[in-house]
Structures are given as C-alpha cells and as structure tokens.
C-alpha cells in the first residue's frame, strides 16, 4: 500500500498555477493561513511545511478534516461572488512557505485557459469530496466510526505492507487522532486500547500497525471509495 492520494490532474494544474503566483510567503507553526470568518481573497499552494484543515464546533471542539502537504492547494476560489468568508480553518503545523495567488489573478488565468480551468475544478472538487466523506463518517458512525475511518485513511496515505499487517509510517499523537474524530483524547485512548486488546492494531514506539484492516472497514460499512478520496491529505 503506497501513498497515491493525489489525482492525475494535479501536476498540470499546479504547473500552470505556479506560473501565476503573486508572491512567496513564510508560514510559522501555530499560525493560521486563514480562519473561519476571514474573507476569501487568496489561494495558497503549499511549498513546504504542513497545514491542517479543520472545523470548530459551537462548543469549541476541533474536527480535523485533512492534512495538507507540499504541492497541495489550500483555500477557496469564490469565482465572482462578493464577501465570501472561510468556513474552515487552516492551521500551520510545521514551518514552511506558500505560494500566494490573488483570486483576481487566478480568475483571469482560468478564464484564459479552459484546460487549466477544468483541471483546477477537478482538483477542488476532489478536496471537497474528501471533506464531505469525513463529515459523513462522523455523522453516520459516531466517534468510533470516525476513529476507524481515520485509521483507514492513514493506512491509505502512509501505509507500508508488512508480514503482520499494515504499518502506518507516520507518527500521529492520540490528541491528533482525537481531533480527526471530533472527540477527547481520553475517548480515543479507550477505543485504541479496545482495538489493541482485540489484536486489531498494535502500537510500537508511537507507530501504529493495523493487523485487521477488513474489520475496520466492515464496522463502518466501507464503500471502498477510490484511495484519492479516502486519505488524510
């Protein structure tokens, strides 16, 4: 199992977009590219570092939707709509830099190049569908389903096939897992402990190995979505 979460249209779209950048900006850990309620004025292409897209509940609980890595597009394009505001947060998890494209610049490029416009829309639709499936898993299957879904997505993004299962070759803390599930770290601790007792997973030096992926899929009625839609980033 390898990281194949990017669509085939991304390379062309990114090459075209990178030719349209207005500036390069540094990003610092724990800062925000944008937050809920901010006006949508720019689009970002992550060049280095890591950014988490999340949503805050009315009670202040954070629900992480996906992780953005270098090469990913972050943000929205309102396409001639006025006073559009972000409904999600983009928090910087690791120092890095982004290419910044003003919406007016991007709209002009998309109007001039129909192939770029189609590829770009496909990309943004892909990101949107990933977020929608995250919400679906949480709403339909609750906190346990959200955890199982997150483990499956981590396996699709970082999984390495081993003799005893699938090693998630990426360290993720229980708090980060809790954020992806919209619950507390204590709840995640209990659910992980249950999975370990059932020998569904094991944890060694903070690395998770999934021994029974089919169990996780069955528990959430997995629809075997394309990997490009069922991953963390």
C-alpha atoms as a PDB file:
ATOM      1  CA  UNK A   1       0.000   0.000   0.000  1.00  0.00           C
ATOM      2  CA  UNK A   2       1.532   3.304  -1.052  1.00  0.00           C
ATOM      3  CA  UNK A   3       0.691   6.983  -0.936  1.00  0.00           C
ATOM      4  CA  UNK A   4      -1.442   7.557  -4.041  1.00  0.00           C
ATOM      5  CA  UNK A   5      -3.820  10.186  -2.755  1.00  0.00           C
ATOM      6  CA  UNK A   6      -3.251  12.731  -5.492  1.00  0.00           C
ATOM      7  CA  UNK A   7      -5.313  12.832  -8.662  1.00  0.00           C
ATOM      8  CA  UNK A   8      -3.774  12.645 -12.128  1.00  0.00           C
ATOM      9  CA  UNK A   9      -4.782  16.233 -12.938  1.00  0.00           C
ATOM     10  CA  UNK A  10      -2.786  17.814 -10.110  1.00  0.00           C
ATOM     11  CA  UNK A  11       0.593  18.088 -11.828  1.00  0.00           C
ATOM     12  CA  UNK A  12      -0.642  20.045 -14.835  1.00  0.00           C
ATOM     13  CA  UNK A  13      -2.836  22.339 -12.765  1.00  0.00           C
ATOM     14  CA  UNK A  14      -0.045  23.081 -10.296  1.00  0.00           C
ATOM     15  CA  UNK A  15       2.482  23.828 -13.015  1.00  0.00           C
ATOM     16  CA  UNK A  16       0.075  26.323 -14.551  1.00  0.00           C
ATOM     17  CA  UNK A  17      -0.775  27.857 -11.199  1.00  0.00           C
ATOM     18  CA  UNK A  18       2.859  28.195 -10.141  1.00  0.00           C
ATOM     19  CA  UNK A  19       3.418  30.341 -13.214  1.00  0.00           C
ATOM     20  CA  UNK A  20       0.770  32.712 -11.862  1.00  0.00           C
ATOM     21  CA  UNK A  21       1.989  33.283  -8.295  1.00  0.00           C
ATOM     22  CA  UNK A  22       1.957  36.798  -6.898  1.00  0.00           C
ATOM     23  CA  UNK A  23       4.409  36.205  -4.038  1.00  0.00           C
ATOM     24  CA  UNK A  24       6.058  33.668  -1.733  1.00  0.00           C
ATOM     25  CA  UNK A  25       5.262  33.884   1.978  1.00  0.00           C
ATOM     26  CA  UNK A  26       6.780  32.167   5.012  1.00  0.00           C
ATOM     27  CA  UNK A  27       4.433  30.335   7.373  1.00  0.00           C
ATOM     28  CA  UNK A  28       5.138  29.659  11.044  1.00  0.00           C
ATOM     29  CA  UNK A  29       3.983  26.809  13.269  1.00  0.00           C
ATOM     30  CA  UNK A  30       0.754  27.531  15.205  1.00  0.00           C
ATOM     31  CA  UNK A  31      -0.167  30.449  12.941  1.00  0.00           C
ATOM     32  CA  UNK A  32      -3.125  30.385  10.543  1.00  0.00           C
ATOM     33  CA  UNK A  33      -3.248  30.796   6.781  1.00  0.00           C
ATOM     34  CA  UNK A  34      -6.888  31.662   7.338  1.00  0.00           C
ATOM     35  CA  UNK A  35      -9.553  31.144   9.985  1.00  0.00           C
ATOM     36  CA  UNK A  36     -13.321  30.820   9.992  1.00  0.00           C
ATOM     37  CA  UNK A  37     -14.879  34.167   9.135  1.00  0.00           C
ATOM     38  CA  UNK A  38     -11.859  35.558   7.277  1.00  0.00           C
ATOM     39  CA  UNK A  39     -12.550  36.970   3.798  1.00  0.00           C
ATOM     40  CA  UNK A  40     -11.563  34.764   0.876  1.00  0.00           C
ATOM     41  CA  UNK A  41      -9.013  36.849  -1.047  1.00  0.00           C
ATOM     42  CA  UNK A  42      -6.130  34.496  -1.866  1.00  0.00           C
ATOM     43  CA  UNK A  43      -5.327  30.924  -2.751  1.00  0.00           C
ATOM     44  CA  UNK A  44      -2.225  29.124  -1.488  1.00  0.00           C
ATOM     45  CA  UNK A  45      -0.006  26.366  -2.824  1.00  0.00           C
ATOM     46  CA  UNK A  46       1.963  24.723  -0.035  1.00  0.00           C
ATOM     47  CA  UNK A  47       5.661  24.591  -0.966  1.00  0.00           C
ATOM     48  CA  UNK A  48       6.972  23.238   2.343  1.00  0.00           C
ATOM     49  CA  UNK A  49       5.694  22.578   5.848  1.00  0.00           C
ATOM     50  CA  UNK A  50       2.348  21.114   6.883  1.00  0.00           C
ATOM     51  CA  UNK A  51      -1.118  22.650   7.246  1.00  0.00           C
ATOM     52  CA  UNK A  52      -4.218  21.177   8.899  1.00  0.00           C
ATOM     53  CA  UNK A  53      -7.718  21.971   7.646  1.00  0.00           C
ATOM     54  CA  UNK A  54     -10.264  21.847  10.467  1.00  0.00           C
ATOM     55  CA  UNK A  55     -13.685  22.973  11.666  1.00  0.00           C
ATOM     56  CA  UNK A  56     -14.632  24.179  15.144  1.00  0.00           C
ATOM     57  CA  UNK A  57     -17.934  23.089  16.688  1.00  0.00           C
ATOM     58  CA  UNK A  58     -20.133  25.578  18.581  1.00  0.00           C
ATOM     59  CA  UNK A  59     -18.711  24.103  21.806  1.00  0.00           C
ATOM     60  CA  UNK A  60     -15.132  24.714  20.689  1.00  0.00           C
ATOM     61  CA  UNK A  61     -14.371  21.100  19.784  1.00  0.00           C
ATOM     62  CA  UNK A  62     -11.971  20.805  16.850  1.00  0.00           C
ATOM     63  CA  UNK A  63     -12.671  18.421  13.971  1.00  0.00           C
ATOM     64  CA  UNK A  64      -9.621  17.948  11.740  1.00  0.00           C
ATOM     65  CA  UNK A  65     -10.583  17.165   8.147  1.00  0.00           C
ATOM     66  CA  UNK A  66      -7.292  16.697   6.325  1.00  0.00           C
ATOM     67  CA  UNK A  67      -3.590  17.417   6.353  1.00  0.00           C
ATOM     68  CA  UNK A  68      -2.064  19.406   3.528  1.00  0.00           C
ATOM     69  CA  UNK A  69       1.460  18.620   2.403  1.00  0.00           C
ATOM     70  CA  UNK A  70       3.806  20.263  -0.132  1.00  0.00           C
ATOM     71  CA  UNK A  71       2.117  20.528  -3.509  1.00  0.00           C
ATOM     72  CA  UNK A  72      -1.415  20.825  -2.129  1.00  0.00           C
ATOM     73  CA  UNK A  73      -3.717  23.745  -2.882  1.00  0.00           C
ATOM     74  CA  UNK A  74      -5.142  25.404   0.234  1.00  0.00           C
ATOM     75  CA  UNK A  75      -8.103  27.761   0.189  1.00  0.00           C
ATOM     76  CA  UNK A  76     -11.127  28.567  -1.920  1.00  0.00           C
ATOM     77  CA  UNK A  77     -11.936  30.473  -5.087  1.00  0.00           C
ATOM     78  CA  UNK A  78     -15.264  32.350  -4.798  1.00  0.00           C
ATOM     79  CA  UNK A  79     -15.484  32.949  -8.583  1.00  0.00           C
ATOM     80  CA  UNK A  80     -17.006  36.432  -8.806  1.00  0.00           C
ATOM     81  CA  UNK A  81     -19.012  36.101  -5.584  1.00  0.00           C
ATOM     82  CA  UNK A  82     -18.568  39.019  -3.210  1.00  0.00           C
ATOM     83  CA  UNK A  83     -17.925  38.990   0.546  1.00  0.00           C
ATOM     84  CA  UNK A  84     -17.256  35.239   0.709  1.00  0.00           C
ATOM     85  CA  UNK A  85     -15.813  34.117   4.057  1.00  0.00           C
ATOM     86  CA  UNK A  86     -13.991  30.945   5.037  1.00  0.00           C
ATOM     87  CA  UNK A  87     -15.979  28.289   6.924  1.00  0.00           C
ATOM     88  CA  UNK A  88     -12.863  26.254   7.798  1.00  0.00           C
ATOM     89  CA  UNK A  89      -9.514  26.894   9.496  1.00  0.00           C
ATOM     90  CA  UNK A  90      -6.057  26.329   8.020  1.00  0.00           C
ATOM     91  CA  UNK A  91      -3.596  25.945  10.899  1.00  0.00           C
ATOM     92  CA  UNK A  92       0.146  25.672  10.265  1.00  0.00           C
ATOM     93  CA  UNK A  93       1.599  22.566  11.947  1.00  0.00           C
ATOM     94  CA  UNK A  94       5.166  22.900  10.624  1.00  0.00           C
ATOM     95  CA  UNK A  95       7.190  25.916   9.471  1.00  0.00           C
ATOM     96  CA  UNK A  96       7.368  26.313   5.709  1.00  0.00           C
ATOM     97  CA  UNK A  97       6.332  28.570   2.871  1.00  0.00           C
ATOM     98  CA  UNK A  98       3.433  29.021   0.478  1.00  0.00           C
ATOM     99  CA  UNK A  99       2.988  30.422  -2.988  1.00  0.00           C
ATOM    100  CA  UNK A 100       0.240  33.057  -2.826  1.00  0.00           C
ATOM    101  CA  UNK A 101      -2.112  33.731  -5.729  1.00  0.00           C
ATOM    102  CA  UNK A 102      -4.602  36.569  -5.607  1.00  0.00           C
ATOM    103  CA  UNK A 103      -8.112  35.472  -6.561  1.00  0.00           C
ATOM    104  CA  UNK A 104      -8.293  38.105  -9.283  1.00  0.00           C
ATOM    105  CA  UNK A 105      -5.077  36.762 -10.830  1.00  0.00           C
ATOM    106  CA  UNK A 106      -6.313  33.189 -10.700  1.00  0.00           C
ATOM    107  CA  UNK A 107      -9.728  34.019 -12.142  1.00  0.00           C
ATOM    108  CA  UNK A 108      -8.032  35.734 -15.078  1.00  0.00           C
ATOM    109  CA  UNK A 109      -5.821  32.689 -15.729  1.00  0.00           C
ATOM    110  CA  UNK A 110      -8.768  30.303 -15.538  1.00  0.00           C
ATOM    111  CA  UNK A 111     -10.773  32.399 -17.992  1.00  0.00           C
ATOM    112  CA  UNK A 112      -7.852  32.422 -20.412  1.00  0.00           C
ATOM    113  CA  UNK A 113      -7.096  28.692 -20.207  1.00  0.00           C
ATOM    114  CA  UNK A 114     -10.072  26.324 -20.359  1.00  0.00           C
ATOM    115  CA  UNK A 115      -7.912  23.214 -19.805  1.00  0.00           C
ATOM    116  CA  UNK A 116      -6.446  24.738 -16.633  1.00  0.00           C
ATOM    117  CA  UNK A 117      -9.953  25.676 -15.503  1.00  0.00           C
ATOM    118  CA  UNK A 118     -11.235  22.121 -15.915  1.00  0.00           C
ATOM    119  CA  UNK A 119      -8.212  20.583 -14.155  1.00  0.00           C
ATOM    120  CA  UNK A 120      -8.452  23.116 -11.342  1.00  0.00           C
ATOM    121  CA  UNK A 121     -12.161  22.456 -10.814  1.00  0.00           C
ATOM    122  CA  UNK A 122     -11.491  18.710 -10.721  1.00  0.00           C
ATOM    123  CA  UNK A 123      -8.869  19.256  -8.040  1.00  0.00           C
ATOM    124  CA  UNK A 124     -11.069  21.452  -5.878  1.00  0.00           C
ATOM    125  CA  UNK A 125     -13.949  19.001  -6.254  1.00  0.00           C
ATOM    126  CA  UNK A 126     -11.636  16.197  -5.114  1.00  0.00           C
ATOM    127  CA  UNK A 127     -10.699  18.133  -1.980  1.00  0.00           C
ATOM    128  CA  UNK A 128     -14.351  18.932  -1.303  1.00  0.00           C
ATOM    129  CA  UNK A 129     -15.405  15.294  -1.630  1.00  0.00           C
ATOM    130  CA  UNK A 130     -12.696  14.247   0.839  1.00  0.00           C
ATOM    131  CA  UNK A 131     -14.053  16.706   3.386  1.00  0.00           C
ATOM    132  CA  UNK A 132     -17.620  15.534   2.762  1.00  0.00           C
ATOM    133  CA  UNK A 133     -16.700  11.892   3.345  1.00  0.00           C
ATOM    134  CA  UNK A 134     -15.040  12.850   6.639  1.00  0.00           C
ATOM    135  CA  UNK A 135     -18.259  14.533   7.803  1.00  0.00           C
ATOM    136  CA  UNK A 136     -20.281  11.534   6.576  1.00  0.00           C
ATOM    137  CA  UNK A 137     -18.222   9.066   8.586  1.00  0.00           C
ATOM    138  CA  UNK A 138     -18.603  11.095  11.764  1.00  0.00           C
ATOM    139  CA  UNK A 139     -22.331  11.722  11.363  1.00  0.00           C
ATOM    140  CA  UNK A 140     -23.270   8.153  10.369  1.00  0.00           C
ATOM    141  CA  UNK A 141     -20.955   6.134  12.596  1.00  0.00           C
ATOM    142  CA  UNK A 142     -20.122   8.356  15.547  1.00  0.00           C
ATOM    143  CA  UNK A 143     -16.794   8.663  17.320  1.00  0.00           C
ATOM    144  CA  UNK A 144     -15.807   5.012  16.926  1.00  0.00           C
ATOM    145  CA  UNK A 145     -16.581   5.126  13.227  1.00  0.00           C
ATOM    146  CA  UNK A 146     -14.608   8.342  12.913  1.00  0.00           C
ATOM    147  CA  UNK A 147     -11.578   6.665  14.514  1.00  0.00           C
ATOM    148  CA  UNK A 148     -11.855   3.591  12.295  1.00  0.00           C
ATOM    149  CA  UNK A 149     -12.223   5.826   9.239  1.00  0.00           C
ATOM    150  CA  UNK A 150      -9.175   7.842  10.277  1.00  0.00           C
ATOM    151  CA  UNK A 151      -7.073   4.702  10.700  1.00  0.00           C
ATOM    152  CA  UNK A 152      -8.131   3.503   7.224  1.00  0.00           C
ATOM    153  CA  UNK A 153      -7.241   6.899   5.739  1.00  0.00           C
ATOM    154  CA  UNK A 154      -3.866   6.878   7.491  1.00  0.00           C
ATOM    155  CA  UNK A 155      -3.220   3.411   6.047  1.00  0.00           C
ATOM    156  CA  UNK A 156      -4.062   4.690   2.562  1.00  0.00           C
ATOM    157  CA  UNK A 157      -1.804   7.720   2.990  1.00  0.00           C
ATOM    158  CA  UNK A 158       1.171   6.281   4.878  1.00  0.00           C
ATOM    159  CA  UNK A 159       0.646   2.513   4.926  1.00  0.00           C
ATOM    160  CA  UNK A 160       3.501   0.089   4.310  1.00  0.00           C
ATOM    161  CA  UNK A 161       2.602  -3.571   3.907  1.00  0.00           C
ATOM    162  CA  UNK A 162       4.323  -5.819   6.461  1.00  0.00           C
ATOM    163  CA  UNK A 163       4.073  -9.545   7.179  1.00  0.00           C
ATOM    164  CA  UNK A 164       1.828  -8.883  10.175  1.00  0.00           C
ATOM    165  CA  UNK A 165      -0.309  -6.119   8.678  1.00  0.00           C
ATOM    166  CA  UNK A 166      -0.055  -2.510   7.508  1.00  0.00           C
ATOM    167  CA  UNK A 167       2.407  -0.208   9.262  1.00  0.00           C
ATOM    168  CA  UNK A 168       1.342   3.439   9.344  1.00  0.00           C
ATOM    169  CA  UNK A 169       4.711   5.030   8.675  1.00  0.00           C
ATOM    170  CA  UNK A 170       3.767   8.341  10.244  1.00  0.00           C
ATOM    171  CA  UNK A 171       3.720   9.326  13.900  1.00  0.00           C
ATOM    172  CA  UNK A 172       0.358  10.713  14.952  1.00  0.00           C
ATOM    173  CA  UNK A 173      -0.463  11.528  18.556  1.00  0.00           C
ATOM    174  CA  UNK A 174      -3.631  10.447  20.332  1.00  0.00           C
ATOM    175  CA  UNK A 175      -4.605  14.111  20.550  1.00  0.00           C
ATOM    176  CA  UNK A 176      -4.277  14.452  16.783  1.00  0.00           C
ATOM    177  CA  UNK A 177      -6.399  11.332  16.350  1.00  0.00           C
ATOM    178  CA  UNK A 178      -8.947  12.861  18.722  1.00  0.00           C
ATOM    179  CA  UNK A 179      -9.068  15.993  16.578  1.00  0.00           C
ATOM    180  CA  UNK A 180      -9.796  13.901  13.498  1.00  0.00           C
ATOM    181  CA  UNK A 181     -12.624  12.207  15.404  1.00  0.00           C
ATOM    182  CA  UNK A 182     -14.074  15.331  16.972  1.00  0.00           C
ATOM    183  CA  UNK A 183     -13.742  13.839  20.455  1.00  0.00           C
ATOM    184  CA  UNK A 184     -11.473  13.851  23.505  1.00  0.00           C
ATOM    185  CA  UNK A 185      -8.065  12.244  23.815  1.00  0.00           C
ATOM    186  CA  UNK A 186      -9.397  10.111  26.674  1.00  0.00           C
ATOM    187  CA  UNK A 187     -12.097   8.636  24.422  1.00  0.00           C
ATOM    188  CA  UNK A 188      -9.519   7.842  21.753  1.00  0.00           C
ATOM    189  CA  UNK A 189      -7.269   6.228  24.364  1.00  0.00           C
ATOM    190  CA  UNK A 190     -10.105   3.890  25.375  1.00  0.00           C
ATOM    191  CA  UNK A 191     -11.017   2.986  21.803  1.00  0.00           C
ATOM    192  CA  UNK A 192      -7.401   2.308  20.861  1.00  0.00           C
ATOM    193  CA  UNK A 193      -7.000   0.155  23.967  1.00  0.00           C
ATOM    194  CA  UNK A 194     -10.032  -1.911  22.912  1.00  0.00           C
ATOM    195  CA  UNK A 195      -8.582  -2.370  19.417  1.00  0.00           C
ATOM    196  CA  UNK A 196      -5.256  -3.471  20.875  1.00  0.00           C
ATOM    197  CA  UNK A 197      -6.956  -5.985  23.171  1.00  0.00           C
ATOM    198  CA  UNK A 198      -8.772  -7.431  20.155  1.00  0.00           C
ATOM    199  CA  UNK A 199      -5.433  -7.522  18.282  1.00  0.00           C
ATOM    200  CA  UNK A 200      -6.897  -5.368  15.528  1.00  0.00           C
ATOM    201  CA  UNK A 201      -3.970  -2.974  15.911  1.00  0.00           C
ATOM    202  CA  UNK A 202      -0.701  -2.730  17.817  1.00  0.00           C
ATOM    203  CA  UNK A 203       1.439   0.278  18.716  1.00  0.00           C
ATOM    204  CA  UNK A 204       5.224   0.229  18.876  1.00  0.00           C
ATOM    205  CA  UNK A 205       7.201   3.407  19.580  1.00  0.00           C
ATOM    206  CA  UNK A 206       4.190   5.529  18.588  1.00  0.00           C
ATOM    207  CA  UNK A 207       3.836   3.751  15.212  1.00  0.00           C
ATOM    208  CA  UNK A 208       0.505   2.009  14.620  1.00  0.00           C
ATOM    209  CA  UNK A 209       0.258  -1.303  12.767  1.00  0.00           C
ATOM    210  CA  UNK A 210      -3.169  -2.406  11.560  1.00  0.00           C
ATOM    211  CA  UNK A 211      -3.454  -6.193  11.674  1.00  0.00           C
ATOM    212  CA  UNK A 212      -7.064  -6.470  10.546  1.00  0.00           C
ATOM    213  CA  UNK A 213      -7.991  -3.734   8.118  1.00  0.00           C
ATOM    214  CA  UNK A 214     -11.097  -5.596   6.968  1.00  0.00           C
ATOM    215  CA  UNK A 215     -12.516  -5.439  10.494  1.00  0.00           C
ATOM    216  CA  UNK A 216     -12.281  -1.635  10.477  1.00  0.00           C
ATOM    217  CA  UNK A 217     -13.866  -1.450   7.027  1.00  0.00           C
ATOM    218  CA  UNK A 218     -16.712  -3.783   7.945  1.00  0.00           C
ATOM    219  CA  UNK A 219     -17.526  -1.851  11.117  1.00  0.00           C
ATOM    220  CA  UNK A 220     -18.165   1.345   9.127  1.00  0.00           C
ATOM    221  CA  UNK A 221     -19.701  -0.321   6.072  1.00  0.00           C
ATOM    222  CA  UNK A 222     -16.763   0.848   3.979  1.00  0.00           C
ATOM    223  CA  UNK A 223     -17.803   1.625   0.411  1.00  0.00           C
ATOM    224  CA  UNK A 224     -14.266   1.086  -0.922  1.00  0.00           C
ATOM    225  CA  UNK A 225     -14.051   4.641  -2.214  1.00  0.00           C
ATOM    226  CA  UNK A 226     -11.111   5.424  -4.508  1.00  0.00           C
ATOM    227  CA  UNK A 227      -7.952   5.942  -2.454  1.00  0.00           C
ATOM    228  CA  UNK A 228      -7.750   9.503  -3.756  1.00  0.00           C
ATOM    229  CA  UNK A 229     -10.910  10.274  -1.714  1.00  0.00           C
ATOM    230  CA  UNK A 230     -10.068   8.105   1.309  1.00  0.00           C
ATOM    231  CA  UNK A 231      -6.872   9.563   2.690  1.00  0.00           C
ATOM    232  CA  UNK A 232      -5.721  12.114   5.219  1.00  0.00           C
ATOM    233  CA  UNK A 233      -4.134  14.568   2.776  1.00  0.00           C
END
